[in-house]
Amino acid sequence: MGLFSFLKGGPSLRELLQKGAVIIDVRTPNEFDRGRLPEAINIPVDRIATDAKRILVIKRPVIFCCNSGDRSAQAVATIKKMGKKDVYNGGDWEKLYLIYKSI
């Protein structure tokens, strides 16, 4: 879903963040250390399947982000295949941060 999910009838990223969505940044630890959203959890995309149990037990919606939306889209697809429905592609972490700080 992501930035334009409202066009498809789904919740907007703003709504998800206002409701306390968990943010998972799927960039590498080096990328994450250079800049991140407050409260974001770093699980690199190549560890999503391995760490799926940590994600599947989260009761709130989950927003994945990265640099462009490609890796976060992979993470969304992986976790949805495992049964969690309330996962969203937040795309570019810096754009997501702009929404986050406006709330």
PDB file of N, CA and C in Angstrom:
ATOM      1  N   MET A   1       0.834  -1.177   0.000  1.00  0.00           N
ATOM      2  CA  MET A   1       0.000   0.000   0.000  1.00  0.00           C
ATOM      3  C   MET A   1       0.879   1.240   0.000  1.00  0.00           C
ATOM      4  N   GLY A   2       1.285   1.753   1.126  1.00  0.00           N
ATOM      5  CA  GLY A   2       2.238   2.841   1.130  1.00  0.00           C
ATOM      6  C   GLY A   2       1.634   4.216   0.973  1.00  0.00           C
ATOM      7  N   LEU A   3       2.375   5.085   0.301  1.00  0.00           N
ATOM      8  CA  LEU A   3       2.024   6.490   0.228  1.00  0.00           C
ATOM      9  C   LEU A   3       0.660   6.746  -0.384  1.00  0.00           C
ATOM     10  N   PHE A   4       0.246   5.946  -1.352  1.00  0.00           N
ATOM     11  CA  PHE A   4      -1.010   6.192  -2.046  1.00  0.00           C
ATOM     12  C   PHE A   4      -2.080   5.163  -1.702  1.00  0.00           C
ATOM     13  N   SER A   5      -1.967   4.545  -0.544  1.00  0.00           N
ATOM     14  CA  SER A   5      -2.930   3.517  -0.170  1.00  0.00           C
ATOM     15  C   SER A   5      -4.344   4.073  -0.054  1.00  0.00           C
ATOM     16  N   PHE A   6      -4.466   5.359   0.235  1.00  0.00           N
ATOM     17  CA  PHE A   6      -5.795   5.944   0.349  1.00  0.00           C
ATOM     18  C   PHE A   6      -6.561   5.843  -0.962  1.00  0.00           C
ATOM     19  N   LEU A   7      -5.856   5.776  -2.086  1.00  0.00           N
ATOM     20  CA  LEU A   7      -6.517   5.637  -3.378  1.00  0.00           C
ATOM     21  C   LEU A   7      -7.151   4.260  -3.532  1.00  0.00           C
ATOM     22  N   LYS A   8      -6.654   3.294  -2.791  1.00  0.00           N
ATOM     23  CA  LYS A   8      -7.159   1.926  -2.854  1.00  0.00           C
ATOM     24  C   LYS A   8      -8.117   1.627  -1.706  1.00  0.00           C
ATOM     25  N   GLY A   9      -8.420   2.624  -0.905  1.00  0.00           N
ATOM     26  CA  GLY A   9      -9.339   2.423   0.205  1.00  0.00           C
ATOM     27  C   GLY A   9      -8.680   1.976   1.491  1.00  0.00           C
ATOM     28  N   GLY A  10      -7.364   1.851   1.512  1.00  0.00           N
ATOM     29  CA  GLY A  10      -6.655   1.460   2.717  1.00  0.00           C
ATOM     30  C   GLY A  10      -6.274   2.677   3.537  1.00  0.00           C
ATOM     31  N   PRO A  11      -5.754   2.446   4.735  1.00  0.00           N
ATOM     32  CA  PRO A  11      -5.361   3.568   5.582  1.00  0.00           C
ATOM     33  C   PRO A  11      -4.134   4.287   5.022  1.00  0.00           C
ATOM     34  N   SER A  12      -4.053   5.585   5.279  1.00  0.00           N
ATOM     35  CA  SER A  12      -2.869   6.340   4.869  1.00  0.00           C
ATOM     36  C   SER A  12      -1.754   6.088   5.880  1.00  0.00           C
ATOM     37  N   LEU A  13      -0.535   6.387   5.489  1.00  0.00           N
ATOM     38  CA  LEU A  13       0.588   6.237   6.412  1.00  0.00           C
ATOM     39  C   LEU A  13       0.387   7.130   7.629  1.00  0.00           C
ATOM     40  N   ARG A  14      -0.131   8.320   7.429  1.00  0.00           N
ATOM     41  CA  ARG A  14      -0.407   9.233   8.545  1.00  0.00           C
ATOM     42  C   ARG A  14      -1.362   8.568   9.552  1.00  0.00           C
ATOM     43  N   GLU A  15      -2.433   7.974   9.049  1.00  0.00           N
ATOM     44  CA  GLU A  15      -3.396   7.303   9.933  1.00  0.00           C
ATOM     45  C   GLU A  15      -2.738   6.151  10.687  1.00  0.00           C
ATOM     46  N   LEU A  16      -1.930   5.391   9.979  1.00  0.00           N
ATOM     47  CA  LEU A  16      -1.251   4.262  10.619  1.00  0.00           C
ATOM     48  C   LEU A  16      -0.310   4.736  11.715  1.00  0.00           C
ATOM     49  N   LEU A  17       0.447   5.794  11.434  1.00  0.00           N
ATOM     50  CA  LEU A  17       1.369   6.332  12.434  1.00  0.00           C
ATOM     51  C   LEU A  17       0.609   6.904  13.628  1.00  0.00           C
ATOM     52  N   GLN A  18      -0.500   7.571  13.374  1.00  0.00           N
ATOM     53  CA  GLN A  18      -1.311   8.120  14.464  1.00  0.00           C
ATOM     54  C   GLN A  18      -1.860   7.012  15.357  1.00  0.00           C
ATOM     55  N   LYS A  19      -2.082   5.844  14.788  1.00  0.00           N
ATOM     56  CA  LYS A  19      -2.609   4.710  15.553  1.00  0.00           C
ATOM     57  C   LYS A  19      -1.506   3.879  16.201  1.00  0.00           C
ATOM     58  N   GLY A  20      -0.254   4.344  16.084  1.00  0.00           N
ATOM     59  CA  GLY A  20       0.838   3.654  16.760  1.00  0.00           C
ATOM     60  C   GLY A  20       1.473   2.514  15.994  1.00  0.00           C
ATOM     61  N   ALA A  21       1.445   2.585  14.680  1.00  0.00           N
ATOM     62  CA  ALA A  21       2.080   1.536  13.873  1.00  0.00           C
ATOM     63  C   ALA A  21       3.551   1.383  14.250  1.00  0.00           C
ATOM     64  N   VAL A  22       4.038   0.177  14.144  1.00  0.00           N
ATOM     65  CA  VAL A  22       5.450  -0.126  14.375  1.00  0.00           C
ATOM     66  C   VAL A  22       6.189   0.107  13.058  1.00  0.00           C
ATOM     67  N   ILE A  23       7.320   0.797  13.133  1.00  0.00           N
ATOM     68  CA  ILE A  23       8.124   1.077  11.941  1.00  0.00           C
ATOM     69  C   ILE A  23       9.333   0.158  11.946  1.00  0.00           C
ATOM     70  N   ILE A  24       9.485  -0.608  10.870  1.00  0.00           N
ATOM     71  CA  ILE A  24      10.653  -1.471  10.708  1.00  0.00           C
ATOM     72  C   ILE A  24      11.416  -0.992   9.488  1.00  0.00           C
ATOM     73  N   ASP A  25      12.651  -0.592   9.729  1.00  0.00           N
ATOM     74  CA  ASP A  25      13.543  -0.096   8.682  1.00  0.00           C
ATOM     75  C   ASP A  25      14.368  -1.280   8.193  1.00  0.00           C
ATOM     76  N   VAL A  26      14.257  -1.601   6.905  1.00  0.00           N
ATOM     77  CA  VAL A  26      14.902  -2.803   6.375  1.00  0.00           C
ATOM     78  C   VAL A  26      16.239  -2.514   5.690  1.00  0.00           C
ATOM     79  N   ARG A  27      16.786  -1.326   5.927  1.00  0.00           N
ATOM     80  CA  ARG A  27      18.103  -1.006   5.368  1.00  0.00           C
ATOM     81  C   ARG A  27      19.196  -1.717   6.168  1.00  0.00           C
ATOM     82  N   THR A  28      20.419  -1.642   5.660  1.00  0.00           N
ATOM     83  CA  THR A  28      21.549  -2.249   6.366  1.00  0.00           C
ATOM     84  C   THR A  28      21.807  -1.490   7.668  1.00  0.00           C
ATOM     85  N   PRO A  29      22.483  -2.120   8.630  1.00  0.00           N
ATOM     86  CA  PRO A  29      22.817  -1.407   9.862  1.00  0.00           C
ATOM     87  C   PRO A  29      23.606  -0.116   9.607  1.00  0.00           C
ATOM     88  N   ASN A  30      24.525  -0.120   8.642  1.00  0.00           N
ATOM     89  CA  ASN A  30      25.277   1.104   8.334  1.00  0.00           C
ATOM     90  C   ASN A  30      24.361   2.213   7.850  1.00  0.00           C
ATOM     91  N   GLU A  31      23.436   1.884   6.954  1.00  0.00           N
ATOM     92  CA  GLU A  31      22.479   2.885   6.465  1.00  0.00           C
ATOM     93  C   GLU A  31      21.618   3.399   7.619  1.00  0.00           C
ATOM     94  N   PHE A  32      21.156   2.493   8.445  1.00  0.00           N
ATOM     95  CA  PHE A  32      20.306   2.831   9.587  1.00  0.00           C
ATOM     96  C   PHE A  32      21.032   3.763  10.550  1.00  0.00           C
ATOM     97  N   ASP A  33      22.308   3.478  10.803  1.00  0.00           N
ATOM     98  CA  ASP A  33      23.092   4.295  11.730  1.00  0.00           C
ATOM     99  C   ASP A  33      23.321   5.713  11.221  1.00  0.00           C
ATOM    100  N   ARG A  34      23.279   5.908   9.914  1.00  0.00           N
ATOM    101  CA  ARG A  34      23.501   7.246   9.337  1.00  0.00           C
ATOM    102  C   ARG A  34      22.261   8.132   9.426  1.00  0.00           C
ATOM    103  N   GLY A  35      21.117   7.554   9.692  1.00  0.00           N
ATOM    104  CA  GLY A  35      19.887   8.326   9.823  1.00  0.00           C
ATOM    105  C   GLY A  35      18.698   7.397   9.876  1.00  0.00           C
ATOM    106  N   ARG A  36      17.749   7.713  10.758  1.00  0.00           N
ATOM    107  CA  ARG A  36      16.590   6.833  10.939  1.00  0.00           C
ATOM    108  C   ARG A  36      15.445   7.590  11.591  1.00  0.00           C
ATOM    109  N   LEU A  37      14.290   6.958  11.555  1.00  0.00           N
ATOM    110  CA  LEU A  37      13.135   7.493  12.266  1.00  0.00           C
ATOM    111  C   LEU A  37      13.259   7.138  13.743  1.00  0.00           C
ATOM    112  N   PRO A  38      12.825   8.055  14.610  1.00  0.00           N
ATOM    113  CA  PRO A  38      12.805   7.714  16.035  1.00  0.00           C
ATOM    114  C   PRO A  38      11.915   6.481  16.239  1.00  0.00           C
ATOM    115  N   GLU A  39      12.319   5.625  17.124  1.00  0.00           N
ATOM    116  CA  GLU A  39      11.563   4.417  17.479  1.00  0.00           C
ATOM    117  C   GLU A  39      11.541   3.337  16.399  1.00  0.00           C
ATOM    118  N   ALA A  40      12.197   3.560  15.272  1.00  0.00           N
ATOM    119  CA  ALA A  40      12.239   2.530  14.225  1.00  0.00           C
ATOM    120  C   ALA A  40      13.097   1.358  14.689  1.00  0.00           C
ATOM    121  N   ILE A  41      12.697   0.183  14.274  1.00  0.00           N
ATOM    122  CA  ILE A  41      13.443  -1.046  14.545  1.00  0.00           C
ATOM    123  C   ILE A  41      14.191  -1.398  13.267  1.00  0.00           C
ATOM    124  N   ASN A  42      15.450  -1.761  13.389  1.00  0.00           N
ATOM    125  CA  ASN A  42      16.229  -2.134  12.206  1.00  0.00           C
ATOM    126  C   ASN A  42      16.281  -3.652  12.074  1.00  0.00           C
ATOM    127  N   ILE A  43      15.649  -4.154  11.015  1.00  0.00           N
ATOM    128  CA  ILE A  43      15.766  -5.561  10.625  1.00  0.00           C
ATOM    129  C   ILE A  43      16.080  -5.542   9.134  1.00  0.00           C
ATOM    130  N   PRO A  44      17.343  -5.743   8.760  1.00  0.00           N
ATOM    131  CA  PRO A  44      17.701  -5.705   7.337  1.00  0.00           C
ATOM    132  C   PRO A  44      16.858  -6.681   6.515  1.00  0.00           C
ATOM    133  N   VAL A  45      16.583  -6.300   5.286  1.00  0.00           N
ATOM    134  CA  VAL A  45      15.684  -7.084   4.431  1.00  0.00           C
ATOM    135  C   VAL A  45      16.135  -8.540   4.303  1.00  0.00           C
ATOM    136  N   ASP A  46      17.430  -8.783   4.319  1.00  0.00           N
ATOM    137  CA  ASP A  46      17.903 -10.164   4.185  1.00  0.00           C
ATOM    138  C   ASP A  46      17.697 -10.983   5.465  1.00  0.00           C
ATOM    139  N   ARG A  47      17.186 -10.348   6.522  1.00  0.00           N
ATOM    140  CA  ARG A  47      16.896 -11.054   7.775  1.00  0.00           C
ATOM    141  C   ARG A  47      15.395 -11.141   8.067  1.00  0.00           C
ATOM    142  N   ILE A  48      14.575 -10.590   7.184  1.00  0.00           N
ATOM    143  CA  ILE A  48      13.130 -10.557   7.434  1.00  0.00           C
ATOM    144  C   ILE A  48      12.563 -11.962   7.627  1.00  0.00           C
ATOM    145  N   ALA A  49      12.873 -12.880   6.749  1.00  0.00           N
ATOM    146  CA  ALA A  49      12.344 -14.244   6.879  1.00  0.00           C
ATOM    147  C   ALA A  49      12.861 -14.912   8.155  1.00  0.00           C
ATOM    148  N   THR A  50      14.131 -14.704   8.469  1.00  0.00           N
ATOM    149  CA  THR A  50      14.740 -15.288   9.664  1.00  0.00           C
ATOM    150  C   THR A  50      14.117 -14.726  10.935  1.00  0.00           C
ATOM    151  N   ASP A  51      13.840 -13.428  10.938  1.00  0.00           N
ATOM    152  CA  ASP A  51      13.288 -12.755  12.116  1.00  0.00           C
ATOM    153  C   ASP A  51      11.766 -12.615  12.063  1.00  0.00           C
ATOM    154  N   ALA A  52      11.117 -13.364  11.204  1.00  0.00           N
ATOM    155  CA  ALA A  52       9.670 -13.228  11.001  1.00  0.00           C
ATOM    156  C   ALA A  52       8.876 -13.401  12.291  1.00  0.00           C
ATOM    157  N   LYS A  53       9.303 -14.288  13.168  1.00  0.00           N
ATOM    158  CA  LYS A  53       8.561 -14.511  14.414  1.00  0.00           C
ATOM    159  C   LYS A  53       8.425 -13.219  15.210  1.00  0.00           C
ATOM    160  N   ARG A  54       9.489 -12.418  15.219  1.00  0.00           N
ATOM    161  CA  ARG A  54       9.450 -11.124  15.928  1.00  0.00           C
ATOM    162  C   ARG A  54       8.389 -10.210  15.333  1.00  0.00           C
ATOM    163  N   ILE A  55       8.206 -10.298  14.031  1.00  0.00           N
ATOM    164  CA  ILE A  55       7.278  -9.410  13.327  1.00  0.00           C
ATOM    165  C   ILE A  55       5.851  -9.936  13.420  1.00  0.00           C
ATOM    166  N   LEU A  56       5.683 -11.231  13.261  1.00  0.00           N
ATOM    167  CA  LEU A  56       4.344 -11.825  13.230  1.00  0.00           C
ATOM    168  C   LEU A  56       3.584 -11.676  14.542  1.00  0.00           C
ATOM    169  N   VAL A  57       4.285 -11.525  15.652  1.00  0.00           N
ATOM    170  CA  VAL A  57       3.615 -11.385  16.951  1.00  0.00           C
ATOM    171  C   VAL A  57       3.221  -9.941  17.266  1.00  0.00           C
ATOM    172  N   ILE A  58       3.641  -9.001  16.460  1.00  0.00           N
ATOM    173  CA  ILE A  58       3.291  -7.596  16.692  1.00  0.00           C
ATOM    174  C   ILE A  58       1.794  -7.422  16.461  1.00  0.00           C
ATOM    175  N   LYS A  59       1.113  -6.865  17.430  1.00  0.00           N
ATOM    176  CA  LYS A  59      -0.348  -6.710  17.362  1.00  0.00           C
ATOM    177  C   LYS A  59      -0.779  -5.464  16.584  1.00  0.00           C
ATOM    178  N   ARG A  60       0.109  -4.510  16.430  1.00  0.00           N
ATOM    179  CA  ARG A  60      -0.221  -3.269  15.718  1.00  0.00           C
ATOM    180  C   ARG A  60       0.180  -3.382  14.252  1.00  0.00           C
ATOM    181  N   PRO A  61      -0.326  -2.475  13.409  1.00  0.00           N
ATOM    182  CA  PRO A  61       0.129  -2.455  12.016  1.00  0.00           C
ATOM    183  C   PRO A  61       1.637  -2.224  11.954  1.00  0.00           C
ATOM    184  N   VAL A  62       2.260  -2.734  10.909  1.00  0.00           N
ATOM    185  CA  VAL A  62       3.701  -2.579  10.707  1.00  0.00           C
ATOM    186  C   VAL A  62       3.930  -1.842   9.393  1.00  0.00           C
ATOM    187  N   ILE A  63       4.779  -0.815   9.456  1.00  0.00           N
ATOM    188  CA  ILE A  63       5.194  -0.083   8.262  1.00  0.00           C
ATOM    189  C   ILE A  63       6.665  -0.391   8.033  1.00  0.00           C
ATOM    190  N   PHE A  64       6.983  -0.918   6.858  1.00  0.00           N
ATOM    191  CA  PHE A  64       8.374  -1.146   6.483  1.00  0.00           C
ATOM    192  C   PHE A  64       8.862   0.049   5.677  1.00  0.00           C
ATOM    193  N   CYS A  65      10.120   0.429   5.864  1.00  0.00           N
ATOM    194  CA  CYS A  65      10.701   1.506   5.069  1.00  0.00           C
ATOM    195  C   CYS A  65      12.147   1.166   4.722  1.00  0.00           C
ATOM    196  N   CYS A  66      12.674   1.881   3.738  1.00  0.00           N
ATOM    197  CA  CYS A  66      14.067   1.717   3.308  1.00  0.00           C
ATOM    198  C   CYS A  66      14.489   3.019   2.630  1.00  0.00           C
ATOM    199  N   ASN A  67      15.316   2.958   1.605  1.00  0.00           N
ATOM    200  CA  ASN A  67      15.721   4.173   0.892  1.00  0.00           C
ATOM    201  C   ASN A  67      14.769   4.554  -0.226  1.00  0.00           C
ATOM    202  N   SER A  68      14.169   3.565  -0.872  1.00  0.00           N
ATOM    203  CA  SER A  68      13.360   3.870  -2.057  1.00  0.00           C
ATOM    204  C   SER A  68      11.993   3.191  -2.069  1.00  0.00           C
ATOM    205  N   GLY A  69      11.832   2.158  -1.299  1.00  0.00           N
ATOM    206  CA  GLY A  69      10.588   1.395  -1.306  1.00  0.00           C
ATOM    207  C   GLY A  69      10.741   0.003  -1.888  1.00  0.00           C
ATOM    208  N   ASP A  70      11.872  -0.272  -2.527  1.00  0.00           N
ATOM    209  CA  ASP A  70      12.074  -1.595  -3.126  1.00  0.00           C
ATOM    210  C   ASP A  70      12.261  -2.678  -2.064  1.00  0.00           C
ATOM    211  N   ARG A  71      13.186  -2.457  -1.153  1.00  0.00           N
ATOM    212  CA  ARG A  71      13.435  -3.460  -0.114  1.00  0.00           C
ATOM    213  C   ARG A  71      12.244  -3.578   0.833  1.00  0.00           C
ATOM    214  N   SER A  72      11.604  -2.454   1.117  1.00  0.00           N
ATOM    215  CA  SER A  72      10.432  -2.528   1.997  1.00  0.00           C
ATOM    216  C   SER A  72       9.286  -3.277   1.319  1.00  0.00           C
ATOM    217  N   ALA A  73       9.174  -3.170   0.004  1.00  0.00           N
ATOM    218  CA  ALA A  73       8.157  -3.945  -0.732  1.00  0.00           C
ATOM    219  C   ALA A  73       8.448  -5.439  -0.617  1.00  0.00           C
ATOM    220  N   GLN A  74       9.715  -5.816  -0.678  1.00  0.00           N
ATOM    221  CA  GLN A  74      10.094  -7.224  -0.504  1.00  0.00           C
ATOM    222  C   GLN A  74       9.698  -7.711   0.889  1.00  0.00           C
ATOM    223  N   ALA A  75       9.957  -6.873   1.893  1.00  0.00           N
ATOM    224  CA  ALA A  75       9.623  -7.245   3.269  1.00  0.00           C
ATOM    225  C   ALA A  75       8.117  -7.417   3.435  1.00  0.00           C
ATOM    226  N   VAL A  76       7.338  -6.497   2.877  1.00  0.00           N
ATOM    227  CA  VAL A  76       5.876  -6.598   2.948  1.00  0.00           C
ATOM    228  C   VAL A  76       5.412  -7.910   2.327  1.00  0.00           C
ATOM    229  N   ALA A  77       5.915  -8.224   1.141  1.00  0.00           N
ATOM    230  CA  ALA A  77       5.509  -9.451   0.448  1.00  0.00           C
ATOM    231  C   ALA A  77       5.858 -10.689   1.272  1.00  0.00           C
ATOM    232  N   THR A  78       7.047 -10.709   1.846  1.00  0.00           N
ATOM    233  CA  THR A  78       7.488 -11.855   2.648  1.00  0.00           C
ATOM    234  C   THR A  78       6.583 -12.064   3.854  1.00  0.00           C
ATOM    235  N   ILE A  79       6.317 -10.996   4.585  1.00  0.00           N
ATOM    236  CA  ILE A  79       5.517 -11.119   5.810  1.00  0.00           C
ATOM    237  C   ILE A  79       4.048 -11.400   5.493  1.00  0.00           C
ATOM    238  N   LYS A  80       3.533 -10.829   4.420  1.00  0.00           N
ATOM    239  CA  LYS A  80       2.144 -11.135   4.028  1.00  0.00           C
ATOM    240  C   LYS A  80       1.989 -12.610   3.672  1.00  0.00           C
ATOM    241  N   LYS A  81       2.992 -13.181   3.005  1.00  0.00           N
ATOM    242  CA  LYS A  81       2.941 -14.610   2.666  1.00  0.00           C
ATOM    243  C   LYS A  81       2.899 -15.478   3.917  1.00  0.00           C
ATOM    244  N   MET A  82       3.431 -14.954   5.018  1.00  0.00           N
ATOM    245  CA  MET A  82       3.450 -15.694   6.275  1.00  0.00           C
ATOM    246  C   MET A  82       2.181 -15.478   7.090  1.00  0.00           C
ATOM    247  N   GLY A  83       1.259 -14.652   6.576  1.00  0.00           N
ATOM    248  CA  GLY A  83      -0.041 -14.531   7.214  1.00  0.00           C
ATOM    249  C   GLY A  83      -0.390 -13.214   7.877  1.00  0.00           C
ATOM    250  N   LYS A  84       0.556 -12.316   8.036  1.00  0.00           N
ATOM    251  CA  LYS A  84       0.235 -11.022   8.661  1.00  0.00           C
ATOM    252  C   LYS A  84      -0.307 -10.090   7.587  1.00  0.00           C
ATOM    253  N   LYS A  85      -1.490  -9.575   7.819  1.00  0.00           N
ATOM    254  CA  LYS A  85      -2.161  -8.761   6.799  1.00  0.00           C
ATOM    255  C   LYS A  85      -1.908  -7.263   6.951  1.00  0.00           C
ATOM    256  N   ASP A  86      -1.727  -6.787   8.165  1.00  0.00           N
ATOM    257  CA  ASP A  86      -1.622  -5.343   8.389  1.00  0.00           C
ATOM    258  C   ASP A  86      -0.170  -4.858   8.314  1.00  0.00           C
ATOM    259  N   VAL A  87       0.438  -5.080   7.146  1.00  0.00           N
ATOM    260  CA  VAL A  87       1.797  -4.616   6.869  1.00  0.00           C
ATOM    261  C   VAL A  87       1.754  -3.702   5.650  1.00  0.00           C
ATOM    262  N   TYR A  88       2.573  -2.653   5.680  1.00  0.00           N
ATOM    263  CA  TYR A  88       2.502  -1.605   4.666  1.00  0.00           C
ATOM    264  C   TYR A  88       3.893  -1.168   4.234  1.00  0.00           C
ATOM    265  N   ASN A  89       3.990  -0.770   2.987  1.00  0.00           N
ATOM    266  CA  ASN A  89       5.244  -0.261   2.440  1.00  0.00           C
ATOM    267  C   ASN A  89       5.271   1.248   2.634  1.00  0.00           C
ATOM    268  N   GLY A  90       6.126   1.691   3.540  1.00  0.00           N
ATOM    269  CA  GLY A  90       6.277   3.124   3.797  1.00  0.00           C
ATOM    270  C   GLY A  90       7.222   3.800   2.836  1.00  0.00           C
ATOM    271  N   GLY A  91       7.903   3.009   2.001  1.00  0.00           N
ATOM    272  CA  GLY A  91       8.801   3.579   1.002  1.00  0.00           C
ATOM    273  C   GLY A  91      10.031   4.227   1.608  1.00  0.00           C
ATOM    274  N   ASP A  92      10.384   5.361   1.067  1.00  0.00           N
ATOM    275  CA  ASP A  92      11.566   6.137   1.454  1.00  0.00           C
ATOM    276  C   ASP A  92      11.455   6.578   2.917  1.00  0.00           C
ATOM    277  N   TRP A  93      12.425   6.212   3.730  1.00  0.00           N
ATOM    278  CA  TRP A  93      12.360   6.516   5.159  1.00  0.00           C
ATOM    279  C   TRP A  93      12.341   8.015   5.416  1.00  0.00           C
ATOM    280  N   GLU A  94      13.014   8.798   4.579  1.00  0.00           N
ATOM    281  CA  GLU A  94      13.047  10.244   4.804  1.00  0.00           C
ATOM    282  C   GLU A  94      11.679  10.880   4.541  1.00  0.00           C
ATOM    283  N   LYS A  95      10.971  10.398   3.538  1.00  0.00           N
ATOM    284  CA  LYS A  95       9.613  10.895   3.288  1.00  0.00           C
ATOM    285  C   LYS A  95       8.675  10.455   4.410  1.00  0.00           C
ATOM    286  N   LEU A  96       8.854   9.234   4.872  1.00  0.00           N
ATOM    287  CA  LEU A  96       8.054   8.748   5.996  1.00  0.00           C
ATOM    288  C   LEU A  96       8.334   9.586   7.242  1.00  0.00           C
ATOM    289  N   TYR A  97       9.583   9.987   7.424  1.00  0.00           N
ATOM    290  CA  TYR A  97       9.954  10.826   8.569  1.00  0.00           C
ATOM    291  C   TYR A  97       9.214  12.163   8.533  1.00  0.00           C
ATOM    292  N   LEU A  98       9.051  12.733   7.344  1.00  0.00           N
ATOM    293  CA  LEU A  98       8.322  14.001   7.228  1.00  0.00           C
ATOM    294  C   LEU A  98       6.881  13.848   7.709  1.00  0.00           C
ATOM    295  N   ILE A  99       6.270  12.726   7.380  1.00  0.00           N
ATOM    296  CA  ILE A  99       4.910  12.459   7.867  1.00  0.00           C
ATOM    297  C   ILE A  99       4.943  12.259   9.381  1.00  0.00           C
ATOM    298  N   TYR A 100       5.895  11.474   9.844  1.00  0.00           N
ATOM    299  CA  TYR A 100       6.036  11.154  11.266  1.00  0.00           C
ATOM    300  C   TYR A 100       6.169  12.420  12.107  1.00  0.00           C
ATOM    301  N   LYS A 101       7.038  13.334  11.682  1.00  0.00           N
ATOM    302  CA  LYS A 101       7.280  14.520  12.513  1.00  0.00           C
ATOM    303  C   LYS A 101       6.148  15.536  12.424  1.00  0.00           C
ATOM    304  N   SER A 102       5.246  15.389  11.460  1.00  0.00           N
ATOM    305  CA  SER A 102       4.114  16.313  11.354  1.00  0.00           C
ATOM    306  C   SER A 102       2.934  15.889  12.232  1.00  0.00           C
ATOM    307  N   ILE A 103       3.051  14.744  12.864  1.00  0.00           N
ATOM    308  CA  ILE A 103       1.944  14.227  13.698  1.00  0.00           C
ATOM    309  C   ILE A 103       2.079  14.751  15.118  1.00  0.00           C
TER     310      ILE A 103
END
